[in-house]
N, C-alpha and C. Protein backbone atom coordinates (compact mmCIF):
# COMPACT_ATOMS: atom_id res chain seq x y z
N GLN A 1 157.38 -35.83 -21.91
CA GLN A 1 156.97 -35.07 -23.07
C GLN A 1 155.80 -35.74 -23.76
N ALA A 2 154.88 -34.91 -24.29
CA ALA A 2 153.75 -35.45 -25.03
C ALA A 2 154.24 -36.11 -26.31
N ALA A 3 153.53 -37.14 -26.75
CA ALA A 3 153.91 -37.85 -27.97
C ALA A 3 152.66 -38.20 -28.75
N SER A 4 152.79 -38.32 -30.05
CA SER A 4 151.67 -38.67 -30.92
C SER A 4 152.04 -39.90 -31.73
N TYR A 5 151.04 -40.75 -31.95
CA TYR A 5 151.22 -41.99 -32.70
C TYR A 5 150.10 -42.11 -33.73
N ASP A 6 150.47 -42.42 -34.95
CA ASP A 6 149.50 -42.61 -36.03
C ASP A 6 149.77 -43.97 -36.67
N ALA A 7 148.79 -44.86 -36.58
CA ALA A 7 149.01 -46.25 -37.02
C ALA A 7 149.36 -46.34 -38.50
N THR A 8 148.76 -45.48 -39.31
CA THR A 8 149.03 -45.53 -40.76
C THR A 8 150.38 -44.92 -41.09
N ALA A 9 150.65 -43.73 -40.57
CA ALA A 9 151.92 -43.07 -40.86
C ALA A 9 153.11 -43.84 -40.28
N ASP A 10 152.89 -44.53 -39.16
CA ASP A 10 153.98 -45.26 -38.50
C ASP A 10 154.19 -46.67 -39.05
N PHE A 11 153.33 -47.12 -39.96
CA PHE A 11 153.39 -48.50 -40.45
C PHE A 11 154.73 -48.77 -41.13
N GLN A 12 155.36 -49.87 -40.75
CA GLN A 12 156.61 -50.29 -41.39
C GLN A 12 156.74 -51.80 -41.29
N THR A 13 157.55 -52.38 -42.16
CA THR A 13 157.69 -53.84 -42.19
C THR A 13 159.12 -54.29 -41.90
N LEU A 14 159.91 -53.46 -41.25
CA LEU A 14 161.27 -53.85 -40.91
C LEU A 14 161.32 -54.69 -39.65
N ARG A 15 160.46 -54.35 -38.68
CA ARG A 15 160.45 -55.06 -37.40
C ARG A 15 159.01 -55.21 -36.94
N ASN A 16 158.77 -56.25 -36.17
CA ASN A 16 157.46 -56.46 -35.55
C ASN A 16 157.69 -57.03 -34.15
N PRO A 17 157.46 -56.23 -33.08
CA PRO A 17 156.92 -54.88 -33.08
C PRO A 17 157.87 -53.87 -33.73
N GLY A 18 157.23 -52.79 -34.22
CA GLY A 18 157.97 -51.66 -34.77
C GLY A 18 157.56 -50.42 -34.01
N GLY A 19 158.40 -49.99 -33.07
CA GLY A 19 158.01 -48.87 -32.21
C GLY A 19 156.87 -49.29 -31.29
N ALA A 20 155.87 -48.45 -31.20
CA ALA A 20 154.73 -48.72 -30.31
C ALA A 20 153.73 -49.69 -30.92
N TRP A 21 153.86 -49.98 -32.22
CA TRP A 21 152.86 -50.78 -32.93
C TRP A 21 153.37 -52.19 -33.20
N SER A 22 152.46 -53.15 -33.15
CA SER A 22 152.77 -54.51 -33.58
C SER A 22 151.56 -55.08 -34.30
N TYR A 23 151.81 -56.15 -35.07
CA TYR A 23 150.80 -56.69 -35.98
C TYR A 23 150.75 -58.20 -35.82
N GLY A 24 149.55 -58.74 -35.69
CA GLY A 24 149.43 -60.18 -35.52
C GLY A 24 148.00 -60.64 -35.62
N TYR A 25 147.75 -61.82 -35.05
CA TYR A 25 146.40 -62.37 -35.14
C TYR A 25 146.13 -63.27 -33.94
N LEU A 26 144.87 -63.51 -33.71
CA LEU A 26 144.40 -64.43 -32.69
C LEU A 26 143.87 -65.66 -33.41
N SER A 27 144.53 -66.79 -33.24
CA SER A 27 144.20 -67.96 -34.04
C SER A 27 142.96 -68.70 -33.54
N SER A 28 142.67 -68.57 -32.26
CA SER A 28 141.59 -69.38 -31.69
C SER A 28 140.28 -68.63 -31.65
N ALA A 29 139.18 -69.36 -31.86
CA ALA A 29 137.85 -68.79 -31.69
C ALA A 29 137.34 -69.01 -30.28
N GLY A 30 138.17 -69.65 -29.43
CA GLY A 30 137.77 -69.96 -28.07
C GLY A 30 138.00 -68.81 -27.12
N ALA A 31 138.00 -69.13 -25.81
CA ALA A 31 138.07 -68.09 -24.79
C ALA A 31 139.48 -67.52 -24.63
N GLY A 32 140.51 -68.31 -24.97
CA GLY A 32 141.88 -67.84 -24.79
C GLY A 32 142.20 -66.68 -25.72
N TYR A 33 142.99 -65.74 -25.21
CA TYR A 33 143.37 -64.57 -26.01
C TYR A 33 144.88 -64.43 -25.95
N ALA A 34 145.54 -64.70 -27.07
CA ALA A 34 146.99 -64.59 -27.12
C ALA A 34 147.39 -64.15 -28.52
N LEU A 35 148.02 -62.99 -28.60
CA LEU A 35 148.44 -62.47 -29.89
C LEU A 35 149.62 -63.26 -30.44
N THR A 36 149.51 -63.72 -31.68
CA THR A 36 150.63 -64.30 -32.41
C THR A 36 151.13 -63.26 -33.38
N LEU A 37 152.39 -62.85 -33.25
CA LEU A 37 152.92 -61.81 -34.12
C LEU A 37 153.14 -62.36 -35.53
N PHE A 38 152.76 -61.57 -36.52
CA PHE A 38 153.07 -61.93 -37.90
C PHE A 38 154.59 -61.96 -38.07
N ASP A 39 155.07 -62.91 -38.87
CA ASP A 39 156.52 -63.05 -39.03
C ASP A 39 156.99 -62.89 -40.48
N ALA A 40 156.06 -62.66 -41.40
CA ALA A 40 156.42 -62.53 -42.81
C ALA A 40 156.03 -61.15 -43.31
N ALA A 41 157.00 -60.42 -43.81
CA ALA A 41 156.75 -59.05 -44.26
C ALA A 41 157.02 -58.92 -45.75
N GLY A 42 156.10 -58.24 -46.43
CA GLY A 42 156.31 -57.85 -47.81
C GLY A 42 156.61 -56.36 -47.85
N ALA A 43 156.44 -55.76 -49.02
CA ALA A 43 156.73 -54.33 -49.16
C ALA A 43 155.80 -53.49 -48.30
N SER A 44 154.57 -53.93 -48.12
CA SER A 44 153.61 -53.13 -47.36
C SER A 44 152.60 -54.01 -46.63
N VAL A 45 153.03 -55.24 -46.27
CA VAL A 45 152.09 -56.17 -45.65
C VAL A 45 152.79 -57.04 -44.61
N TRP A 46 152.08 -57.34 -43.53
CA TRP A 46 152.51 -58.35 -42.56
C TRP A 46 151.55 -59.53 -42.62
N ALA A 47 152.09 -60.74 -42.64
CA ALA A 47 151.28 -61.96 -42.64
C ALA A 47 152.05 -63.04 -41.87
N MET A 48 151.58 -64.28 -42.00
CA MET A 48 152.19 -65.39 -41.26
C MET A 48 152.77 -66.39 -42.25
N SER A 49 154.05 -66.77 -42.03
CA SER A 49 154.71 -67.63 -43.01
C SER A 49 154.15 -69.04 -43.02
N ASN A 50 153.76 -69.59 -41.87
CA ASN A 50 153.33 -70.98 -41.82
C ASN A 50 151.83 -71.12 -41.57
N TYR A 51 151.10 -70.03 -41.70
CA TYR A 51 149.65 -70.08 -41.49
C TYR A 51 149.04 -68.99 -42.34
N SER A 52 148.57 -69.37 -43.52
CA SER A 52 148.06 -68.35 -44.44
C SER A 52 147.11 -68.98 -45.43
N THR A 53 145.94 -68.37 -45.58
CA THR A 53 144.98 -68.78 -46.61
C THR A 53 144.64 -67.56 -47.45
N LEU A 54 144.99 -67.61 -48.72
CA LEU A 54 144.80 -66.47 -49.62
C LEU A 54 145.44 -65.21 -49.06
N GLY A 55 146.60 -65.39 -48.40
CA GLY A 55 147.32 -64.25 -47.87
C GLY A 55 146.77 -63.68 -46.58
N THR A 56 145.85 -64.40 -45.95
CA THR A 56 145.24 -63.91 -44.71
C THR A 56 145.52 -64.90 -43.57
N PRO A 57 145.45 -64.44 -42.31
CA PRO A 57 145.19 -63.08 -41.85
C PRO A 57 146.37 -62.16 -42.15
N ALA A 58 146.10 -60.85 -42.18
CA ALA A 58 147.15 -59.91 -42.58
C ALA A 58 146.84 -58.51 -42.11
N ALA A 59 147.90 -57.70 -42.05
CA ALA A 59 147.80 -56.25 -41.83
C ALA A 59 148.60 -55.60 -42.95
N PHE A 60 148.04 -54.59 -43.58
CA PHE A 60 148.73 -54.01 -44.73
C PHE A 60 148.32 -52.56 -44.95
N VAL A 61 149.15 -51.86 -45.72
CA VAL A 61 148.82 -50.53 -46.22
C VAL A 61 148.74 -50.63 -47.73
N ASN A 62 147.67 -50.13 -48.30
CA ASN A 62 147.50 -50.17 -49.75
C ASN A 62 148.33 -49.06 -50.39
N THR A 63 149.37 -49.45 -51.10
CA THR A 63 150.25 -48.47 -51.74
C THR A 63 149.89 -48.21 -53.20
N GLY A 64 148.86 -48.93 -53.71
CA GLY A 64 148.47 -48.73 -55.10
C GLY A 64 147.11 -48.07 -55.20
N ALA A 65 146.45 -48.31 -56.30
CA ALA A 65 145.12 -47.74 -56.51
C ALA A 65 144.12 -48.41 -55.57
N ALA A 66 142.98 -47.75 -55.36
CA ALA A 66 141.94 -48.30 -54.50
C ALA A 66 141.54 -49.69 -55.00
N VAL A 67 141.45 -50.65 -54.06
CA VAL A 67 141.08 -52.01 -54.42
C VAL A 67 140.43 -52.69 -53.23
N ASN A 68 139.42 -53.49 -53.49
CA ASN A 68 138.74 -54.28 -52.46
C ASN A 68 138.31 -53.44 -51.26
N GLY A 69 137.83 -52.23 -51.54
CA GLY A 69 137.32 -51.37 -50.48
C GLY A 69 138.38 -50.65 -49.68
N VAL A 70 139.63 -50.73 -50.10
CA VAL A 70 140.73 -50.06 -49.39
C VAL A 70 141.31 -48.99 -50.29
N ALA A 71 141.20 -47.73 -49.85
CA ALA A 71 141.70 -46.63 -50.66
C ALA A 71 143.23 -46.60 -50.62
N GLN A 72 143.82 -45.93 -51.61
CA GLN A 72 145.27 -45.78 -51.63
C GLN A 72 145.72 -45.08 -50.35
N GLY A 73 146.73 -45.65 -49.73
CA GLY A 73 147.27 -45.06 -48.51
C GLY A 73 146.60 -45.51 -47.23
N GLN A 74 145.51 -46.27 -47.31
CA GLN A 74 144.83 -46.73 -46.11
C GLN A 74 145.48 -47.96 -45.51
N LEU A 75 145.49 -48.01 -44.18
CA LEU A 75 145.88 -49.19 -43.42
C LEU A 75 144.66 -50.09 -43.29
N ALA A 76 144.83 -51.40 -43.44
CA ALA A 76 143.70 -52.32 -43.34
C ALA A 76 144.12 -53.62 -42.66
N LEU A 77 143.14 -54.27 -42.06
CA LEU A 77 143.30 -55.60 -41.48
C LEU A 77 142.39 -56.56 -42.23
N HIS A 78 142.83 -57.80 -42.36
CA HIS A 78 142.01 -58.83 -42.99
C HIS A 78 142.08 -60.08 -42.13
N PRO A 79 140.96 -60.54 -41.56
CA PRO A 79 140.99 -61.76 -40.75
C PRO A 79 141.21 -62.99 -41.62
N GLY A 80 141.52 -64.11 -40.98
CA GLY A 80 141.73 -65.37 -41.69
C GLY A 80 140.47 -66.21 -41.79
N PRO A 81 140.58 -67.46 -42.26
CA PRO A 81 139.42 -68.25 -42.64
C PRO A 81 138.65 -68.92 -41.51
N LEU A 82 139.25 -69.09 -40.32
CA LEU A 82 138.54 -69.77 -39.26
C LEU A 82 137.29 -68.98 -38.88
N ALA A 83 136.12 -69.62 -38.99
CA ALA A 83 134.86 -68.92 -38.72
C ALA A 83 134.86 -68.37 -37.29
N PHE A 84 134.55 -67.09 -37.17
CA PHE A 84 134.52 -66.39 -35.88
C PHE A 84 135.87 -66.46 -35.15
N GLY A 85 136.94 -66.60 -35.91
CA GLY A 85 138.29 -66.64 -35.36
C GLY A 85 139.26 -65.98 -36.31
N ASP A 86 140.54 -66.33 -36.20
CA ASP A 86 141.59 -65.75 -37.04
C ASP A 86 141.50 -64.23 -37.09
N VAL A 87 141.35 -63.64 -35.92
CA VAL A 87 141.16 -62.20 -35.82
C VAL A 87 142.48 -61.48 -36.12
N ALA A 88 142.46 -60.55 -37.05
CA ALA A 88 143.64 -59.75 -37.37
C ALA A 88 143.72 -58.58 -36.38
N ILE A 89 144.92 -58.30 -35.87
CA ILE A 89 145.07 -57.36 -34.76
C ILE A 89 146.19 -56.36 -35.03
N LEU A 90 145.87 -55.10 -34.79
CA LEU A 90 146.84 -54.02 -34.71
C LEU A 90 146.95 -53.67 -33.23
N ARG A 91 148.15 -53.76 -32.67
CA ARG A 91 148.33 -53.53 -31.23
C ARG A 91 149.18 -52.28 -30.98
N PHE A 92 148.69 -51.45 -30.04
CA PHE A 92 149.47 -50.32 -29.55
C PHE A 92 149.92 -50.66 -28.13
N THR A 93 151.22 -50.53 -27.88
CA THR A 93 151.76 -50.76 -26.54
C THR A 93 152.27 -49.44 -25.98
N ALA A 94 151.78 -49.06 -24.82
CA ALA A 94 152.16 -47.78 -24.21
C ALA A 94 153.65 -47.79 -23.84
N PRO A 95 154.44 -46.90 -24.40
CA PRO A 95 155.87 -46.86 -24.07
C PRO A 95 156.14 -46.38 -22.64
N THR A 96 155.28 -45.51 -22.14
CA THR A 96 155.43 -44.96 -20.79
C THR A 96 154.05 -44.85 -20.15
N ALA A 97 154.03 -44.74 -18.85
CA ALA A 97 152.77 -44.50 -18.16
C ALA A 97 152.26 -43.11 -18.51
N GLY A 98 150.96 -43.00 -18.68
CA GLY A 98 150.41 -41.69 -19.01
C GLY A 98 148.95 -41.75 -19.38
N SER A 99 148.45 -40.61 -19.80
CA SER A 99 147.07 -40.49 -20.27
C SER A 99 147.09 -40.53 -21.80
N TYR A 100 146.30 -41.41 -22.37
CA TYR A 100 146.32 -41.63 -23.81
C TYR A 100 144.93 -41.34 -24.40
N ALA A 101 144.87 -40.38 -25.30
CA ALA A 101 143.63 -40.04 -25.99
C ALA A 101 143.61 -40.73 -27.35
N VAL A 102 142.57 -41.53 -27.58
CA VAL A 102 142.49 -42.37 -28.77
C VAL A 102 141.36 -41.89 -29.67
N THR A 103 141.67 -41.66 -30.93
CA THR A 103 140.65 -41.33 -31.92
C THR A 103 140.86 -42.20 -33.15
N GLY A 104 139.82 -42.31 -33.98
CA GLY A 104 139.94 -43.08 -35.20
C GLY A 104 138.63 -43.75 -35.56
N GLN A 105 138.71 -44.71 -36.47
CA GLN A 105 137.52 -45.43 -36.89
C GLN A 105 137.87 -46.65 -37.72
N PHE A 106 136.91 -47.56 -37.78
CA PHE A 106 136.92 -48.63 -38.77
C PHE A 106 136.11 -48.14 -39.97
N PHE A 107 136.36 -48.73 -41.13
CA PHE A 107 135.61 -48.41 -42.34
C PHE A 107 134.91 -49.66 -42.87
N ALA A 108 134.01 -49.45 -43.81
CA ALA A 108 133.26 -50.58 -44.38
C ALA A 108 134.19 -51.55 -45.09
N GLY A 109 135.14 -51.01 -45.87
CA GLY A 109 136.05 -51.88 -46.60
C GLY A 109 135.37 -52.67 -47.70
N ASP A 110 135.80 -53.91 -47.85
CA ASP A 110 135.24 -54.77 -48.89
C ASP A 110 133.82 -55.17 -48.50
N SER A 111 133.18 -55.98 -49.33
CA SER A 111 131.74 -56.25 -49.18
C SER A 111 131.39 -57.27 -48.10
N GLY A 112 132.41 -57.93 -47.50
CA GLY A 112 132.12 -58.91 -46.45
C GLY A 112 131.71 -58.25 -45.15
N SER A 113 131.02 -59.01 -44.30
CA SER A 113 130.60 -58.51 -42.99
C SER A 113 131.67 -58.82 -41.96
N MET A 114 132.35 -57.77 -41.46
CA MET A 114 133.44 -57.94 -40.51
C MET A 114 133.12 -57.19 -39.22
N GLN A 115 133.70 -57.69 -38.14
CA GLN A 115 133.50 -57.12 -36.82
C GLN A 115 134.74 -56.33 -36.40
N GLY A 116 134.54 -55.17 -35.79
CA GLY A 116 135.65 -54.37 -35.30
C GLY A 116 135.57 -54.19 -33.79
N LEU A 117 136.69 -54.37 -33.10
CA LEU A 117 136.71 -54.26 -31.64
C LEU A 117 137.94 -53.50 -31.17
N ILE A 118 137.79 -52.86 -30.00
CA ILE A 118 138.92 -52.25 -29.28
C ILE A 118 139.01 -52.98 -27.95
N ILE A 119 140.19 -53.59 -27.70
CA ILE A 119 140.36 -54.48 -26.55
C ILE A 119 141.55 -54.03 -25.73
N LEU A 120 141.35 -53.86 -24.43
CA LEU A 120 142.41 -53.41 -23.53
C LEU A 120 142.99 -54.60 -22.77
N ASN A 121 144.30 -54.76 -22.87
CA ASN A 121 145.03 -55.78 -22.09
C ASN A 121 144.39 -57.17 -22.16
N ASP A 122 144.04 -57.59 -23.38
CA ASP A 122 143.57 -58.95 -23.66
C ASP A 122 142.18 -59.26 -23.11
N ASP A 123 141.46 -58.28 -22.61
CA ASP A 123 140.14 -58.55 -22.03
C ASP A 123 139.07 -58.53 -23.13
N ALA A 124 139.07 -59.60 -23.93
CA ALA A 124 138.16 -59.68 -25.07
C ALA A 124 136.71 -59.87 -24.64
N THR A 125 136.48 -60.31 -23.41
CA THR A 125 135.10 -60.49 -22.95
C THR A 125 134.44 -59.15 -22.62
N HIS A 126 135.25 -58.12 -22.44
CA HIS A 126 134.71 -56.79 -22.16
C HIS A 126 135.40 -55.76 -23.06
N PRO A 127 135.16 -55.82 -24.37
CA PRO A 127 135.81 -54.84 -25.26
C PRO A 127 135.39 -53.41 -24.91
N LEU A 128 136.32 -52.48 -25.08
CA LEU A 128 135.99 -51.08 -24.81
C LEU A 128 134.96 -50.56 -25.80
N GLN A 129 135.08 -51.01 -27.04
CA GLN A 129 134.10 -50.66 -28.07
C GLN A 129 133.99 -51.82 -29.05
N MET A 130 132.82 -51.96 -29.63
CA MET A 130 132.58 -53.06 -30.56
C MET A 130 131.62 -52.62 -31.66
N PHE A 131 131.98 -52.95 -32.88
CA PHE A 131 131.13 -52.70 -34.04
C PHE A 131 130.83 -54.06 -34.67
N SER A 132 129.59 -54.49 -34.61
CA SER A 132 129.25 -55.84 -35.06
C SER A 132 129.41 -56.00 -36.56
N ASN A 133 129.29 -54.92 -37.31
CA ASN A 133 129.51 -54.94 -38.76
C ASN A 133 130.07 -53.57 -39.14
N THR A 134 131.36 -53.51 -39.45
CA THR A 134 131.99 -52.22 -39.67
C THR A 134 131.42 -51.51 -40.90
N THR A 135 131.20 -50.21 -40.73
CA THR A 135 130.75 -49.35 -41.82
C THR A 135 131.59 -48.08 -41.78
N ASP A 136 131.35 -47.18 -42.72
CA ASP A 136 132.08 -45.91 -42.72
C ASP A 136 131.64 -45.01 -41.57
N ALA A 137 130.63 -45.43 -40.81
CA ALA A 137 130.20 -44.68 -39.63
C ALA A 137 130.73 -45.28 -38.33
N SER A 138 131.65 -46.24 -38.41
CA SER A 138 132.18 -46.91 -37.22
C SER A 138 133.30 -46.09 -36.58
N VAL A 139 132.93 -44.90 -36.11
CA VAL A 139 133.88 -43.96 -35.51
C VAL A 139 134.01 -44.27 -34.02
N PHE A 140 135.24 -44.26 -33.51
CA PHE A 140 135.45 -44.52 -32.09
C PHE A 140 134.76 -43.45 -31.25
N ALA A 141 134.10 -43.87 -30.19
CA ALA A 141 133.59 -42.92 -29.21
C ALA A 141 134.78 -42.29 -28.50
N PRO A 142 134.61 -41.07 -27.93
CA PRO A 142 135.74 -40.43 -27.22
C PRO A 142 136.35 -41.40 -26.21
N LEU A 143 137.66 -41.56 -26.28
CA LEU A 143 138.33 -42.58 -25.48
C LEU A 143 139.63 -42.02 -24.92
N THR A 144 139.69 -41.85 -23.60
CA THR A 144 140.91 -41.42 -22.93
C THR A 144 141.21 -42.43 -21.84
N LEU A 145 142.41 -43.00 -21.88
CA LEU A 145 142.78 -44.07 -20.97
C LEU A 145 144.05 -43.72 -20.22
N THR A 146 144.09 -44.07 -18.95
CA THR A 146 145.32 -43.99 -18.18
C THR A 146 145.99 -45.36 -18.24
N LEU A 147 147.14 -45.41 -18.90
CA LEU A 147 147.80 -46.68 -19.14
C LEU A 147 149.14 -46.75 -18.43
N ALA A 148 149.44 -47.91 -17.89
CA ALA A 148 150.77 -48.17 -17.35
C ALA A 148 151.72 -48.45 -18.51
N ALA A 149 152.99 -48.25 -18.29
CA ALA A 149 153.98 -48.61 -19.31
C ALA A 149 153.85 -50.10 -19.63
N GLY A 150 153.76 -50.44 -20.91
CA GLY A 150 153.61 -51.83 -21.32
C GLY A 150 152.18 -52.29 -21.49
N ALA A 151 151.21 -51.48 -21.04
CA ALA A 151 149.81 -51.83 -21.29
C ALA A 151 149.55 -51.77 -22.78
N HIS A 152 148.62 -52.61 -23.26
CA HIS A 152 148.40 -52.62 -24.70
C HIS A 152 146.92 -52.52 -25.05
N LEU A 153 146.71 -51.92 -26.20
CA LEU A 153 145.37 -51.67 -26.73
C LEU A 153 145.31 -52.28 -28.12
N ASP A 154 144.37 -53.21 -28.32
CA ASP A 154 144.25 -53.91 -29.60
C ASP A 154 143.08 -53.38 -30.41
N PHE A 155 143.33 -53.18 -31.69
CA PHE A 155 142.29 -52.84 -32.65
C PHE A 155 142.15 -54.07 -33.54
N ALA A 156 141.03 -54.76 -33.40
CA ALA A 156 140.90 -56.10 -33.95
C ALA A 156 139.78 -56.17 -34.98
N VAL A 157 140.00 -56.96 -36.02
CA VAL A 157 138.98 -57.23 -37.04
C VAL A 157 138.80 -58.73 -37.14
N GLY A 158 137.57 -59.18 -36.87
CA GLY A 158 137.25 -60.59 -36.97
C GLY A 158 136.15 -60.82 -37.99
N ASN A 159 136.05 -62.05 -38.48
CA ASN A 159 135.00 -62.34 -39.44
C ASN A 159 133.72 -62.76 -38.71
N ASN A 160 132.63 -62.57 -39.34
CA ASN A 160 131.33 -62.97 -38.79
C ASN A 160 130.90 -64.32 -39.36
N GLY A 161 131.86 -65.23 -39.49
CA GLY A 161 131.56 -66.56 -40.03
C GLY A 161 132.24 -66.83 -41.34
N SER A 162 132.52 -65.77 -42.10
CA SER A 162 133.20 -65.92 -43.39
C SER A 162 134.23 -64.82 -43.55
N PHE A 163 135.44 -65.19 -43.98
CA PHE A 163 136.51 -64.20 -44.13
C PHE A 163 136.57 -63.60 -45.52
N TYR A 164 135.75 -64.11 -46.44
CA TYR A 164 135.79 -63.60 -47.81
C TYR A 164 135.43 -62.12 -47.87
N TYR A 165 136.15 -61.39 -48.73
CA TYR A 165 135.90 -59.95 -48.92
C TYR A 165 136.02 -59.20 -47.60
N GLY A 166 137.05 -59.54 -46.85
CA GLY A 166 137.16 -59.03 -45.48
C GLY A 166 138.17 -57.91 -45.26
N SER A 167 138.70 -57.31 -46.32
CA SER A 167 139.64 -56.20 -46.12
C SER A 167 138.93 -55.04 -45.43
N THR A 168 139.43 -54.65 -44.27
CA THR A 168 138.74 -53.66 -43.44
C THR A 168 139.71 -52.54 -43.06
N PRO A 169 139.59 -51.37 -43.68
CA PRO A 169 140.48 -50.27 -43.32
C PRO A 169 140.17 -49.74 -41.93
N LEU A 170 141.19 -49.13 -41.33
CA LEU A 170 141.00 -48.44 -40.05
C LEU A 170 142.02 -47.34 -39.95
N SER A 171 141.70 -46.34 -39.14
CA SER A 171 142.66 -45.29 -38.82
C SER A 171 142.70 -45.17 -37.31
N VAL A 172 143.89 -44.99 -36.76
CA VAL A 172 144.06 -44.85 -35.30
C VAL A 172 145.09 -43.77 -35.03
N GLN A 173 144.69 -42.79 -34.24
CA GLN A 173 145.61 -41.75 -33.78
C GLN A 173 145.58 -41.73 -32.25
N ILE A 174 146.75 -41.67 -31.65
CA ILE A 174 146.86 -41.69 -30.19
C ILE A 174 147.79 -40.56 -29.75
N ASN A 175 147.27 -39.73 -28.84
CA ASN A 175 148.07 -38.65 -28.26
C ASN A 175 148.31 -38.96 -26.79
N ALA A 176 149.57 -38.89 -26.38
CA ALA A 176 149.93 -39.28 -25.02
C ALA A 176 150.43 -38.09 -24.23
N ALA A 177 149.99 -38.02 -22.98
CA ALA A 177 150.51 -37.04 -22.02
C ALA A 177 151.05 -37.83 -20.84
N PRO A 178 152.37 -37.91 -20.68
CA PRO A 178 152.95 -38.73 -19.61
C PRO A 178 152.51 -38.28 -18.23
N VAL A 179 152.43 -39.23 -17.30
CA VAL A 179 152.16 -38.92 -15.91
C VAL A 179 153.43 -38.33 -15.30
N PRO A 180 153.35 -37.17 -14.59
CA PRO A 180 154.56 -36.58 -14.01
C PRO A 180 155.21 -37.53 -13.02
N GLU A 181 156.55 -37.52 -12.99
CA GLU A 181 157.27 -38.34 -12.02
C GLU A 181 157.00 -37.80 -10.61
N PRO A 182 157.00 -38.66 -9.59
CA PRO A 182 156.73 -38.19 -8.22
C PRO A 182 157.60 -37.01 -7.81
N SER A 183 158.91 -37.06 -8.18
CA SER A 183 159.81 -35.98 -7.81
C SER A 183 159.40 -34.67 -8.45
N SER A 184 158.94 -34.73 -9.71
CA SER A 184 158.49 -33.53 -10.41
C SER A 184 157.24 -32.96 -9.75
N THR A 185 156.34 -33.87 -9.34
CA THR A 185 155.12 -33.42 -8.69
C THR A 185 155.43 -32.75 -7.36
N LEU A 186 156.38 -33.32 -6.59
CA LEU A 186 156.75 -32.73 -5.30
C LEU A 186 157.39 -31.37 -5.50
N LEU A 187 158.24 -31.23 -6.51
CA LEU A 187 158.86 -29.95 -6.79
C LEU A 187 157.82 -28.90 -7.15
N LEU A 188 156.83 -29.32 -7.96
CA LEU A 188 155.76 -28.39 -8.36
C LEU A 188 154.96 -27.94 -7.14
N LEU A 189 154.59 -28.89 -6.28
CA LEU A 189 153.83 -28.56 -5.09
C LEU A 189 154.64 -27.67 -4.16
N GLY A 190 155.94 -27.97 -4.03
CA GLY A 190 156.80 -27.15 -3.20
C GLY A 190 156.90 -25.73 -3.72
N GLY A 191 157.00 -25.60 -5.03
CA GLY A 191 157.07 -24.27 -5.64
C GLY A 191 155.79 -23.48 -5.41
N LEU A 192 154.65 -24.15 -5.54
CA LEU A 192 153.36 -23.48 -5.31
C LEU A 192 153.25 -23.04 -3.85
N ALA A 193 153.69 -23.90 -2.94
CA ALA A 193 153.63 -23.55 -1.52
C ALA A 193 154.50 -22.33 -1.23
N LEU A 194 155.69 -22.26 -1.84
CA LEU A 194 156.59 -21.12 -1.63
C LEU A 194 155.98 -19.84 -2.16
N VAL A 195 155.39 -19.90 -3.36
CA VAL A 195 154.74 -18.72 -3.94
C VAL A 195 153.62 -18.24 -3.05
N THR A 196 152.82 -19.18 -2.52
CA THR A 196 151.71 -18.82 -1.63
C THR A 196 152.23 -18.17 -0.36
N PHE A 197 153.32 -18.73 0.21
CA PHE A 197 153.89 -18.19 1.45
C PHE A 197 154.41 -16.77 1.23
N VAL A 198 155.13 -16.56 0.12
CA VAL A 198 155.68 -15.23 -0.18
C VAL A 198 154.55 -14.23 -0.38
N GLY A 199 153.51 -14.65 -1.06
CA GLY A 199 152.36 -13.77 -1.30
C GLY A 199 151.71 -13.36 0.00
N LYS A 200 151.57 -14.30 0.94
CA LYS A 200 150.96 -13.98 2.23
C LYS A 200 151.82 -13.01 3.01
N ARG A 201 153.14 -13.16 3.00
CA ARG A 201 154.04 -12.26 3.72
C ARG A 201 153.97 -10.86 3.17
N ARG A 202 153.86 -10.75 1.84
CA ARG A 202 153.78 -9.42 1.23
C ARG A 202 152.48 -8.71 1.66
N ARG A 203 151.38 -9.50 1.66
CA ARG A 203 150.11 -8.88 2.06
C ARG A 203 150.15 -8.50 3.54
N ALA A 204 150.82 -9.34 4.35
CA ALA A 204 150.91 -9.04 5.77
C ALA A 204 151.77 -7.79 6.01
N GLY A 205 152.79 -7.59 5.18
CA GLY A 205 153.67 -6.44 5.35
C GLY A 205 152.97 -5.19 4.90
């Protein structure tokens, strides 16, 4: 069955991962890529209990009035202080194999210069899309991916040397169409073959 996922509407702080979404950060500015899941949850924020500077890195939804470039109701990521590191990450993990259509965008957010990336299965050296400085025009290009169950897609915000004023809103919507099971495909092909055969017999008669 087709399924839809909305990062903002699905945001919750009871579990991490929570459904198809998880929240964390990449601590290193080096070549290694390994997501560390946030372990500290507030009413509307995920952060790290033993690694935090001014509450960052973090993933949160603004439940109050617009502040620091984040409108009420917007989901945002904020990287941490390590220059060109401490990347804040929103991760989508495919629950089943299928075709996934991805839409959304990064926004300008606060006044700091932040980088936005879309990364498939930890391949940060070849991001699917990259915005060197997020603006309100940082809309994702049309993106449809065939993903195996458990494959993951990261929406990442990193600092360009300074994490100050780095609150960066984003929206992500994903629509999934599962790949038919082999047995279903065989049944469909068999049914089509039968219809074709019956049609030919009728014309022959």
